[in-house]
Amino acid sequence: MIKIIIGAHLSVSNGFYHMGVQARDIGANTFQFFTRNPRGSKAKDLDLDDINKMNVFLKENNFGRVLAHAPYTLNPASSDDRIRGFALEVMADDISRLENIPDALYNLHPGSHVKQGVDVGIELIIQALNQVIKEEQSTLVLLETMAGKGTEIGGKFQELARIIDGINHKDKIGVCLDTCHIYDGSYDIINNLDGVLEEFDSIIGLDRLKAIHLNDSKNPYGSKKDRHEKIGEGTLGLNTFKSIINHPKLRHLPFFLETPNEIEGYREEISLLRSLYKK
């Protein structure tokens, strides 16, 4: 029997062990957190005792792999040397710190080419990732599917595939699929989920898909706007999420909620999704 692995985006401000307990208390068996302030640069000093206590707690409670999210401010595809250097520094530091959590997932937005063109942006992202991804790391780096707003890269499966093709240590990289993003980016997961997954498989490979961000959307199909909504309250609708979490090619993956919610709202969504999951 496969059980649903589902969690929400939690705050690390009270410590790693507290996140684990909080996740369990709202019915989750995994969680996501920002590695540092999502709009800032400095990370808090590591408390290894707290992390080790969390690691024991997660193992004892049969948690799935946890996911760490890089700050939104990172842009390894920038035309500015300082901005690219900042992205390199933060990614390298994040990965090093995450090695204290067994088999952690590290999710990042690929970046924006800022009018340099997609080809230049992709090459800069490849260069950056090849500098920070090491053969010996256990942390798996995930590229997030994007909505395609502005000059951001990753709104098309082909763009993510091109990045992956250029990575030296390909066993250290995967993809996190965001349901809001790909719907806003013109992948019709309401009416053609099987077709979208077949396209993903043919371009990237479903073996690269390691996590899913479960978010409804405030926007219509193909809007390229990226605004999350609570599960079942947006344009995707509850039946779409029922199909996603029960799909034979997806149901084994960890699902992470990034909906506009507080803790009690996440508790309700987790309970709802568990009730829709077919054992």
C-alpha atoms as a PDB file:
ATOM      1  CA  MET A   1       0.000   0.000   0.000  1.00  0.00           C
ATOM      2  CA  ILE A   2       1.309   3.461  -0.933  1.00  0.00           C
ATOM      3  CA  LYS A   3       0.402   6.340   1.349  1.00  0.00           C
ATOM      4  CA  ILE A   4       0.288   9.937   0.196  1.00  0.00           C
ATOM      5  CA  ILE A   5       3.401  11.934   1.073  1.00  0.00           C
ATOM      6  CA  ILE A   6       2.163  15.456   1.617  1.00  0.00           C
ATOM      7  CA  GLY A   7       3.363  18.547   3.403  1.00  0.00           C
ATOM      8  CA  ALA A   8       3.149  22.320   3.543  1.00  0.00           C
ATOM      9  CA  HIS A   9       5.520  25.252   3.449  1.00  0.00           C
ATOM     10  CA  LEU A  10       6.620  25.918   7.044  1.00  0.00           C
ATOM     11  CA  SER A  11       8.779  28.525   8.752  1.00  0.00           C
ATOM     12  CA  VAL A  12      12.193  27.507  10.045  1.00  0.00           C
ATOM     13  CA  SER A  13      12.270  30.429  12.499  1.00  0.00           C
ATOM     14  CA  ASN A  14      11.565  28.197  15.512  1.00  0.00           C
ATOM     15  CA  GLY A  15      14.030  25.508  14.482  1.00  0.00           C
ATOM     16  CA  PHE A  16      14.138  22.355  12.396  1.00  0.00           C
ATOM     17  CA  TYR A  17      12.830  19.983  15.066  1.00  0.00           C
ATOM     18  CA  HIS A  18       9.851  22.277  15.627  1.00  0.00           C
ATOM     19  CA  MET A  19       9.072  22.147  11.903  1.00  0.00           C
ATOM     20  CA  GLY A  20       8.965  18.378  12.033  1.00  0.00           C
ATOM     21  CA  VAL A  21       6.615  18.364  15.029  1.00  0.00           C
ATOM     22  CA  GLN A  22       4.432  21.052  13.463  1.00  0.00           C
ATOM     23  CA  ALA A  23       4.222  19.081  10.218  1.00  0.00           C
ATOM     24  CA  ARG A  24       3.159  15.918  12.063  1.00  0.00           C
ATOM     25  CA  ASP A  25       0.577  17.851  14.071  1.00  0.00           C
ATOM     26  CA  ILE A  26      -1.175  19.123  10.933  1.00  0.00           C
ATOM     27  CA  GLY A  27      -1.268  15.651   9.378  1.00  0.00           C
ATOM     28  CA  ALA A  28       1.801  16.036   7.129  1.00  0.00           C
ATOM     29  CA  ASN A  29       4.604  13.557   6.598  1.00  0.00           C
ATOM     30  CA  THR A  30       6.995  15.920   4.831  1.00  0.00           C
ATOM     31  CA  PHE A  31       7.447  19.694   4.587  1.00  0.00           C
ATOM     32  CA  GLN A  32       9.134  22.499   2.688  1.00  0.00           C
ATOM     33  CA  PHE A  33      11.049  25.496   4.056  1.00  0.00           C
ATOM     34  CA  PHE A  34      13.104  28.426   2.790  1.00  0.00           C
ATOM     35  CA  THR A  35      16.849  28.026   3.284  1.00  0.00           C
ATOM     36  CA  ARG A  36      16.997  31.711   4.281  1.00  0.00           C
ATOM     37  CA  ASN A  37      14.845  34.823   3.962  1.00  0.00           C
ATOM     38  CA  PRO A  38      13.153  34.442   0.543  1.00  0.00           C
ATOM     39  CA  ARG A  39      13.969  38.085  -0.260  1.00  0.00           C
ATOM     40  CA  GLY A  40      17.301  38.246   1.562  1.00  0.00           C
ATOM     41  CA  SER A  41      20.727  36.684   1.652  1.00  0.00           C
ATOM     42  CA  LYS A  42      21.929  35.826   5.158  1.00  0.00           C
ATOM     43  CA  ALA A  43      21.133  32.412   6.570  1.00  0.00           C
ATOM     44  CA  LYS A  44      20.843  31.730  10.278  1.00  0.00           C
ATOM     45  CA  ASP A  45      23.712  29.882  11.937  1.00  0.00           C
ATOM     46  CA  LEU A  46      23.203  26.132  11.878  1.00  0.00           C
ATOM     47  CA  ASP A  47      22.184  24.424  15.103  1.00  0.00           C
ATOM     48  CA  LEU A  48      23.448  20.908  14.409  1.00  0.00           C
ATOM     49  CA  ASP A  49      21.920  19.506  17.591  1.00  0.00           C
ATOM     50  CA  ASP A  50      18.509  20.777  16.475  1.00  0.00           C
ATOM     51  CA  ILE A  51      18.998  19.369  12.962  1.00  0.00           C
ATOM     52  CA  ASN A  52      20.093  15.987  14.291  1.00  0.00           C
ATOM     53  CA  LYS A  53      17.082  15.914  16.604  1.00  0.00           C
ATOM     54  CA  MET A  54      14.848  16.627  13.606  1.00  0.00           C
ATOM     55  CA  ASN A  55      16.526  13.911  11.543  1.00  0.00           C
ATOM     56  CA  VAL A  56      15.770  11.341  14.244  1.00  0.00           C
ATOM     57  CA  PHE A  57      12.177  12.588  14.522  1.00  0.00           C
ATOM     58  CA  LEU A  58      11.611  12.362  10.761  1.00  0.00           C
ATOM     59  CA  LYS A  59      12.948   8.814  10.638  1.00  0.00           C
ATOM     60  CA  GLU A  60      10.888   7.686  13.625  1.00  0.00           C
ATOM     61  CA  ASN A  61       7.736   9.149  12.070  1.00  0.00           C
ATOM     62  CA  ASN A  62       8.326   7.766   8.550  1.00  0.00           C
ATOM     63  CA  PHE A  63       8.565  11.143   6.858  1.00  0.00           C
ATOM     64  CA  GLY A  64       9.301  11.518   3.163  1.00  0.00           C
ATOM     65  CA  ARG A  65      12.174  13.609   1.833  1.00  0.00           C
ATOM     66  CA  VAL A  66      11.987  17.247   2.909  1.00  0.00           C
ATOM     67  CA  LEU A  67      12.356  20.058   0.418  1.00  0.00           C
ATOM     68  CA  ALA A  68      14.375  23.234   0.904  1.00  0.00           C
ATOM     69  CA  HIS A  69      13.493  26.212  -1.299  1.00  0.00           C
ATOM     70  CA  ALA A  70      16.142  28.657  -2.490  1.00  0.00           C
ATOM     71  CA  PRO A  71      15.438  32.408  -2.136  1.00  0.00           C
ATOM     72  CA  TYR A  72      13.455  34.082  -4.895  1.00  0.00           C
ATOM     73  CA  THR A  73      16.208  36.672  -5.306  1.00  0.00           C
ATOM     74  CA  LEU A  74      18.652  34.249  -6.929  1.00  0.00           C
ATOM     75  CA  ASN A  75      19.245  34.722 -10.650  1.00  0.00           C
ATOM     76  CA  PRO A  76      22.160  32.724 -12.071  1.00  0.00           C
ATOM     77  CA  ALA A  77      21.048  33.850 -15.567  1.00  0.00           C
ATOM     78  CA  SER A  78      21.497  37.559 -14.823  1.00  0.00           C
ATOM     79  CA  SER A  79      23.514  39.854 -17.077  1.00  0.00           C
ATOM     80  CA  ASP A  80      25.038  41.400 -13.931  1.00  0.00           C
ATOM     81  CA  ASP A  81      28.217  39.685 -12.682  1.00  0.00           C
ATOM     82  CA  ARG A  82      27.445  40.622  -9.064  1.00  0.00           C
ATOM     83  CA  ILE A  83      23.961  39.118  -9.187  1.00  0.00           C
ATOM     84  CA  ARG A  84      25.287  35.903 -10.719  1.00  0.00           C
ATOM     85  CA  GLY A  85      28.056  35.795  -8.121  1.00  0.00           C
ATOM     86  CA  PHE A  86      25.518  36.205  -5.334  1.00  0.00           C
ATOM     87  CA  ALA A  87      23.468  33.318  -6.747  1.00  0.00           C
ATOM     88  CA  LEU A  88      26.542  31.099  -6.893  1.00  0.00           C
ATOM     89  CA  GLU A  89      27.517  31.936  -3.328  1.00  0.00           C
ATOM     90  CA  VAL A  90      24.051  31.261  -1.915  1.00  0.00           C
ATOM     91  CA  MET A  91      23.481  28.028  -3.864  1.00  0.00           C
ATOM     92  CA  ALA A  92      26.859  26.616  -2.852  1.00  0.00           C
ATOM     93  CA  ASP A  93      26.268  27.535   0.791  1.00  0.00           C
ATOM     94  CA  ASP A  94      22.730  26.133   0.774  1.00  0.00           C
ATOM     95  CA  ILE A  95      23.819  22.809  -0.673  1.00  0.00           C
ATOM     96  CA  SER A  96      26.663  22.551   1.830  1.00  0.00           C
ATOM     97  CA  ARG A  97      24.285  23.211   4.738  1.00  0.00           C
ATOM     98  CA  LEU A  98      21.679  20.774   3.414  1.00  0.00           C
ATOM     99  CA  GLU A  99      24.194  17.949   3.526  1.00  0.00           C
ATOM    100  CA  ASN A 100      23.305  17.795   7.234  1.00  0.00           C
ATOM    101  CA  ILE A 101      19.808  16.539   6.269  1.00  0.00           C
ATOM    102  CA  PRO A 102      19.916  13.079   4.654  1.00  0.00           C
ATOM    103  CA  ASP A 103      18.681  13.024   1.033  1.00  0.00           C
ATOM    104  CA  ALA A 104      17.331  16.578   1.128  1.00  0.00           C
ATOM    105  CA  LEU A 105      15.739  18.128  -1.955  1.00  0.00           C
ATOM    106  CA  TYR A 106      16.839  21.646  -2.968  1.00  0.00           C
ATOM    107  CA  ASN A 107      14.363  23.502  -5.170  1.00  0.00           C
ATOM    108  CA  LEU A 108      15.174  26.630  -7.148  1.00  0.00           C
ATOM    109  CA  HIS A 109      13.672  28.849  -9.816  1.00  0.00           C
ATOM    110  CA  PRO A 110      16.053  28.538 -12.783  1.00  0.00           C
ATOM    111  CA  GLY A 111      16.346  32.291 -13.406  1.00  0.00           C
ATOM    112  CA  SER A 112      15.489  35.081 -15.848  1.00  0.00           C
ATOM    113  CA  HIS A 113      17.542  35.980 -18.901  1.00  0.00           C
ATOM    114  CA  VAL A 114      16.660  39.701 -18.548  1.00  0.00           C
ATOM    115  CA  LYS A 115      16.489  40.292 -22.310  1.00  0.00           C
ATOM    116  CA  GLN A 116      19.771  38.521 -23.091  1.00  0.00           C
ATOM    117  CA  GLY A 117      17.771  35.769 -24.768  1.00  0.00           C
ATOM    118  CA  VAL A 118      16.847  32.260 -23.690  1.00  0.00           C
ATOM    119  CA  ASP A 119      19.999  30.667 -25.145  1.00  0.00           C
ATOM    120  CA  VAL A 120      22.318  32.954 -23.176  1.00  0.00           C
ATOM    121  CA  GLY A 121      20.268  32.524 -20.011  1.00  0.00           C
ATOM    122  CA  ILE A 122      20.297  28.744 -20.232  1.00  0.00           C
ATOM    123  CA  GLU A 123      24.051  28.664 -20.755  1.00  0.00           C
ATOM    124  CA  LEU A 124      24.618  30.885 -17.696  1.00  0.00           C
ATOM    125  CA  ILE A 125      22.388  28.650 -15.560  1.00  0.00           C
ATOM    126  CA  ILE A 126      24.297  25.574 -16.717  1.00  0.00           C
ATOM    127  CA  GLN A 127      27.616  27.214 -15.883  1.00  0.00           C
ATOM    128  CA  ALA A 128      26.399  28.165 -12.411  1.00  0.00           C
ATOM    129  CA  LEU A 129      24.969  24.757 -11.569  1.00  0.00           C
ATOM    130  CA  ASN A 130      28.085  22.977 -12.767  1.00  0.00           C
ATOM    131  CA  GLN A 131      30.091  25.069 -10.315  1.00  0.00           C
ATOM    132  CA  VAL A 132      27.945  24.286  -7.285  1.00  0.00           C
ATOM    133  CA  ILE A 133      26.784  20.688  -7.891  1.00  0.00           C
ATOM    134  CA  LYS A 134      29.392  18.218  -6.636  1.00  0.00           C
ATOM    135  CA  GLU A 135      29.683  14.498  -7.304  1.00  0.00           C
ATOM    136  CA  GLU A 136      29.862  13.654  -3.607  1.00  0.00           C
ATOM    137  CA  GLN A 137      26.734  15.534  -2.456  1.00  0.00           C
ATOM    138  CA  SER A 138      23.602  13.696  -1.342  1.00  0.00           C
ATOM    139  CA  THR A 139      21.331  16.722  -1.846  1.00  0.00           C
ATOM    140  CA  LEU A 140      19.279  16.567  -5.038  1.00  0.00           C
ATOM    141  CA  VAL A 141      18.851  19.884  -6.868  1.00  0.00           C
ATOM    142  CA  LEU A 142      15.413  20.425  -8.421  1.00  0.00           C
ATOM    143  CA  LEU A 143      14.597  22.898 -11.197  1.00  0.00           C
ATOM    144  CA  GLU A 144      11.058  24.228 -10.785  1.00  0.00           C
ATOM    145  CA  THR A 145       8.636  24.453 -13.685  1.00  0.00           C
ATOM    146  CA  MET A 146       7.741  28.112 -14.156  1.00  0.00           C
ATOM    147  CA  ALA A 147       4.756  30.050 -15.540  1.00  0.00           C
ATOM    148  CA  GLY A 148       6.800  31.804 -18.248  1.00  0.00           C
ATOM    149  CA  LYS A 149       6.168  35.361 -17.074  1.00  0.00           C
ATOM    150  CA  GLY A 150       8.505  38.057 -18.337  1.00  0.00           C
ATOM    151  CA  THR A 151      11.925  36.662 -19.233  1.00  0.00           C
ATOM    152  CA  GLU A 152      11.961  33.787 -16.750  1.00  0.00           C
ATOM    153  CA  ILE A 153      13.365  30.478 -17.954  1.00  0.00           C
ATOM    154  CA  GLY A 154      11.634  27.183 -17.243  1.00  0.00           C
ATOM    155  CA  GLY A 155       8.161  27.946 -18.545  1.00  0.00           C
ATOM    156  CA  LYS A 156       8.658  25.288 -21.210  1.00  0.00           C
ATOM    157  CA  PHE A 157       9.739  21.696 -20.618  1.00  0.00           C
ATOM    158  CA  GLN A 158      12.289  22.086 -23.431  1.00  0.00           C
ATOM    159  CA  GLU A 159      14.117  24.801 -21.498  1.00  0.00           C
ATOM    160  CA  LEU A 160      14.485  22.624 -18.408  1.00  0.00           C
ATOM    161  CA  ALA A 161      15.643  19.714 -20.577  1.00  0.00           C
ATOM    162  CA  ARG A 162      18.351  21.875 -22.136  1.00  0.00           C
ATOM    163  CA  ILE A 163      19.631  22.850 -18.688  1.00  0.00           C
ATOM    164  CA  ILE A 164      19.675  19.246 -17.503  1.00  0.00           C
ATOM    165  CA  ASP A 165      21.483  18.152 -20.668  1.00  0.00           C
ATOM    166  CA  GLY A 166      24.314  20.529 -19.803  1.00  0.00           C
ATOM    167  CA  ILE A 167      24.800  19.397 -16.191  1.00  0.00           C
ATOM    168  CA  ASN A 168      27.915  17.343 -15.493  1.00  0.00           C
ATOM    169  CA  HIS A 169      26.529  15.318 -12.579  1.00  0.00           C
ATOM    170  CA  LYS A 170      23.099  14.487 -13.947  1.00  0.00           C
ATOM    171  CA  ASP A 171      22.291  12.120 -11.095  1.00  0.00           C
ATOM    172  CA  LYS A 172      22.176  15.167  -8.802  1.00  0.00           C
ATOM    173  CA  ILE A 173      19.465  17.068 -10.660  1.00  0.00           C
ATOM    174  CA  GLY A 174      15.716  16.679 -11.125  1.00  0.00           C
ATOM    175  CA  VAL A 175      12.513  18.665 -11.544  1.00  0.00           C
ATOM    176  CA  CYS A 176       9.782  19.950  -9.241  1.00  0.00           C
ATOM    177  CA  LEU A 177       6.486  20.427 -11.088  1.00  0.00           C
ATOM    178  CA  ASP A 178       4.309  23.304  -9.912  1.00  0.00           C
ATOM    179  CA  THR A 179       0.648  22.815 -10.835  1.00  0.00           C
ATOM    180  CA  CYS A 180      -0.196  26.527 -10.836  1.00  0.00           C
ATOM    181  CA  HIS A 181       2.879  27.401 -12.887  1.00  0.00           C
ATOM    182  CA  ILE A 182       2.411  24.878 -15.657  1.00  0.00           C
ATOM    183  CA  TYR A 183      -1.303  25.628 -16.015  1.00  0.00           C
ATOM    184  CA  ASP A 184      -0.564  29.350 -16.213  1.00  0.00           C
ATOM    185  CA  GLY A 185       2.192  28.407 -18.663  1.00  0.00           C
ATOM    186  CA  SER A 186      -0.234  26.697 -21.107  1.00  0.00           C
ATOM    187  CA  TYR A 187      -0.020  23.054 -20.039  1.00  0.00           C
ATOM    188  CA  ASP A 188      -3.641  21.915 -19.717  1.00  0.00           C
ATOM    189  CA  ILE A 189      -3.583  19.614 -16.702  1.00  0.00           C
ATOM    190  CA  ILE A 190      -7.362  19.942 -16.299  1.00  0.00           C
ATOM    191  CA  ASN A 191      -8.413  18.411 -19.602  1.00  0.00           C
ATOM    192  CA  ASN A 192      -5.232  16.631 -20.702  1.00  0.00           C
ATOM    193  CA  LEU A 193      -3.175  15.538 -17.693  1.00  0.00           C
ATOM    194  CA  ASP A 194      -2.078  12.332 -19.428  1.00  0.00           C
ATOM    195  CA  GLY A 195      -0.984  14.275 -22.487  1.00  0.00           C
ATOM    196  CA  VAL A 196       1.015  16.757 -20.398  1.00  0.00           C
ATOM    197  CA  LEU A 197       2.770  13.912 -18.571  1.00  0.00           C
ATOM    198  CA  GLU A 198       3.528  12.167 -21.863  1.00  0.00           C
ATOM    199  CA  GLU A 199       5.037  15.403 -23.170  1.00  0.00           C
ATOM    200  CA  PHE A 200       7.082  15.807 -19.986  1.00  0.00           C
ATOM    201  CA  ASP A 201       8.292  12.232 -20.305  1.00  0.00           C
ATOM    202  CA  SER A 202       9.289  12.606 -23.948  1.00  0.00           C
ATOM    203  CA  ILE A 203      11.187  15.874 -23.357  1.00  0.00           C
ATOM    204  CA  ILE A 204      12.638  15.545 -19.839  1.00  0.00           C
ATOM    205  CA  GLY A 205      11.797  12.044 -18.626  1.00  0.00           C
ATOM    206  CA  LEU A 206       9.430  11.237 -15.764  1.00  0.00           C
ATOM    207  CA  ASP A 207      12.335   9.701 -13.899  1.00  0.00           C
ATOM    208  CA  ARG A 208      13.549  13.294 -13.384  1.00  0.00           C
ATOM    209  CA  LEU A 209      10.301  14.340 -11.685  1.00  0.00           C
ATOM    210  CA  LYS A 210      10.991  14.193  -7.944  1.00  0.00           C
ATOM    211  CA  ALA A 211       8.402  16.479  -6.305  1.00  0.00           C
ATOM    212  CA  ILE A 212       5.189  18.373  -6.974  1.00  0.00           C
ATOM    213  CA  HIS A 213       4.074  21.770  -5.717  1.00  0.00           C
ATOM    214  CA  LEU A 214       0.304  21.470  -5.301  1.00  0.00           C
ATOM    215  CA  ASN A 215      -1.162  24.931  -5.906  1.00  0.00           C
ATOM    216  CA  ASP A 216      -4.436  26.050  -7.376  1.00  0.00           C
ATOM    217  CA  SER A 217      -4.304  29.163  -9.597  1.00  0.00           C
ATOM    218  CA  LYS A 218      -6.018  32.533  -9.441  1.00  0.00           C
ATOM    219  CA  ASN A 219      -5.474  32.880 -13.185  1.00  0.00           C
ATOM    220  CA  PRO A 220      -6.967  31.454 -16.378  1.00  0.00           C
ATOM    221  CA  TYR A 221      -5.173  28.912 -18.531  1.00  0.00           C
ATOM    222  CA  GLY A 222      -2.106  30.288 -20.316  1.00  0.00           C
ATOM    223  CA  SER A 223      -2.075  33.593 -18.418  1.00  0.00           C
ATOM    224  CA  LYS A 224       1.664  33.352 -17.524  1.00  0.00           C
ATOM    225  CA  LYS A 225       1.004  35.233 -14.275  1.00  0.00           C
ATOM    226  CA  ASP A 226       1.827  32.801 -11.423  1.00  0.00           C
ATOM    227  CA  ARG A 227      -0.577  33.597  -8.593  1.00  0.00           C
ATOM    228  CA  HIS A 228      -1.346  30.703  -6.257  1.00  0.00           C
ATOM    229  CA  GLU A 229      -4.790  29.935  -4.839  1.00  0.00           C
ATOM    230  CA  LYS A 230      -6.070  27.545  -2.175  1.00  0.00           C
ATOM    231  CA  ILE A 231      -6.803  23.977  -3.266  1.00  0.00           C
ATOM    232  CA  GLY A 232     -10.160  23.744  -5.025  1.00  0.00           C
ATOM    233  CA  GLU A 233     -10.790  27.499  -4.896  1.00  0.00           C
ATOM    234  CA  GLY A 234      -9.054  28.498  -8.116  1.00  0.00           C
ATOM    235  CA  THR A 235      -9.244  27.818 -11.828  1.00  0.00           C
ATOM    236  CA  LEU A 236      -7.773  24.315 -11.528  1.00  0.00           C
ATOM    237  CA  GLY A 237     -10.525  23.018  -9.250  1.00  0.00           C
ATOM    238  CA  LEU A 238     -10.666  20.115  -6.806  1.00  0.00           C
ATOM    239  CA  ASN A 239     -11.155  17.355  -9.386  1.00  0.00           C
ATOM    240  CA  THR A 240      -7.830  18.256 -11.013  1.00  0.00           C
ATOM    241  CA  PHE A 241      -5.995  17.712  -7.741  1.00  0.00           C
ATOM    242  CA  LYS A 242      -7.831  14.455  -7.138  1.00  0.00           C
ATOM    243  CA  SER A 243      -6.587  13.284 -10.552  1.00  0.00           C
ATOM    244  CA  ILE A 244      -3.021  14.433  -9.856  1.00  0.00           C
ATOM    245  CA  ILE A 245      -2.537  12.830  -6.446  1.00  0.00           C
ATOM    246  CA  ASN A 246      -4.045   9.548  -7.643  1.00  0.00           C
ATOM    247  CA  HIS A 247      -2.331   9.392 -11.027  1.00  0.00           C
ATOM    248  CA  PRO A 248      -0.288   6.166 -11.299  1.00  0.00           C
ATOM    249  CA  LYS A 249       2.729   8.128 -12.579  1.00  0.00           C
ATOM    250  CA  LEU A 250       2.562  10.728  -9.799  1.00  0.00           C
ATOM    251  CA  ARG A 251       1.038   9.213  -6.660  1.00  0.00           C
ATOM    252  CA  HIS A 252       4.387   8.000  -5.297  1.00  0.00           C
ATOM    253  CA  LEU A 253       5.904  11.513  -5.311  1.00  0.00           C
ATOM    254  CA  PRO A 254       6.002  13.963  -2.390  1.00  0.00           C
ATOM    255  CA  PHE A 255       3.429  16.770  -2.693  1.00  0.00           C
ATOM    256  CA  PHE A 256       4.098  20.203  -1.180  1.00  0.00           C
ATOM    257  CA  LEU A 257       1.452  22.856  -0.589  1.00  0.00           C
ATOM    258  CA  GLU A 258       2.390  26.484  -1.283  1.00  0.00           C
ATOM    259  CA  THR A 259      -1.144  27.830  -1.143  1.00  0.00           C
ATOM    260  CA  PRO A 260      -1.949  31.212   0.489  1.00  0.00           C
ATOM    261  CA  ASN A 261      -2.645  29.703   3.912  1.00  0.00           C
ATOM    262  CA  GLU A 262      -1.773  29.794   7.564  1.00  0.00           C
ATOM    263  CA  ILE A 263      -1.139  26.587   9.531  1.00  0.00           C
ATOM    264  CA  GLU A 264      -4.806  25.780  10.131  1.00  0.00           C
ATOM    265  CA  GLY A 265      -5.532  26.249   6.449  1.00  0.00           C
ATOM    266  CA  TYR A 266      -2.775  23.796   5.571  1.00  0.00           C
ATOM    267  CA  ARG A 267      -4.211  21.316   8.092  1.00  0.00           C
ATOM    268  CA  GLU A 268      -7.593  21.512   6.348  1.00  0.00           C
ATOM    269  CA  GLU A 269      -6.076  21.117   2.876  1.00  0.00           C
ATOM    270  CA  ILE A 270      -3.980  18.126   3.928  1.00  0.00           C
ATOM    271  CA  SER A 271      -7.051  16.476   5.441  1.00  0.00           C
ATOM    272  CA  LEU A 272      -9.036  17.191   2.275  1.00  0.00           C
ATOM    273  CA  LEU A 273      -6.370  15.744  -0.016  1.00  0.00           C
ATOM    274  CA  ARG A 274      -5.957  12.656   2.155  1.00  0.00           C
ATOM    275  CA  SER A 275      -9.709  12.063   1.890  1.00  0.00           C
ATOM    276  CA  LEU A 276      -9.405  12.152  -1.926  1.00  0.00           C
ATOM    277  CA  TYR A 277      -6.408   9.816  -2.077  1.00  0.00           C
ATOM    278  CA  LYS A 278      -7.273   6.273  -3.141  1.00  0.00           C
ATOM    279  CA  LYS A 279      -5.454   3.705  -1.009  1.00  0.00           C
END
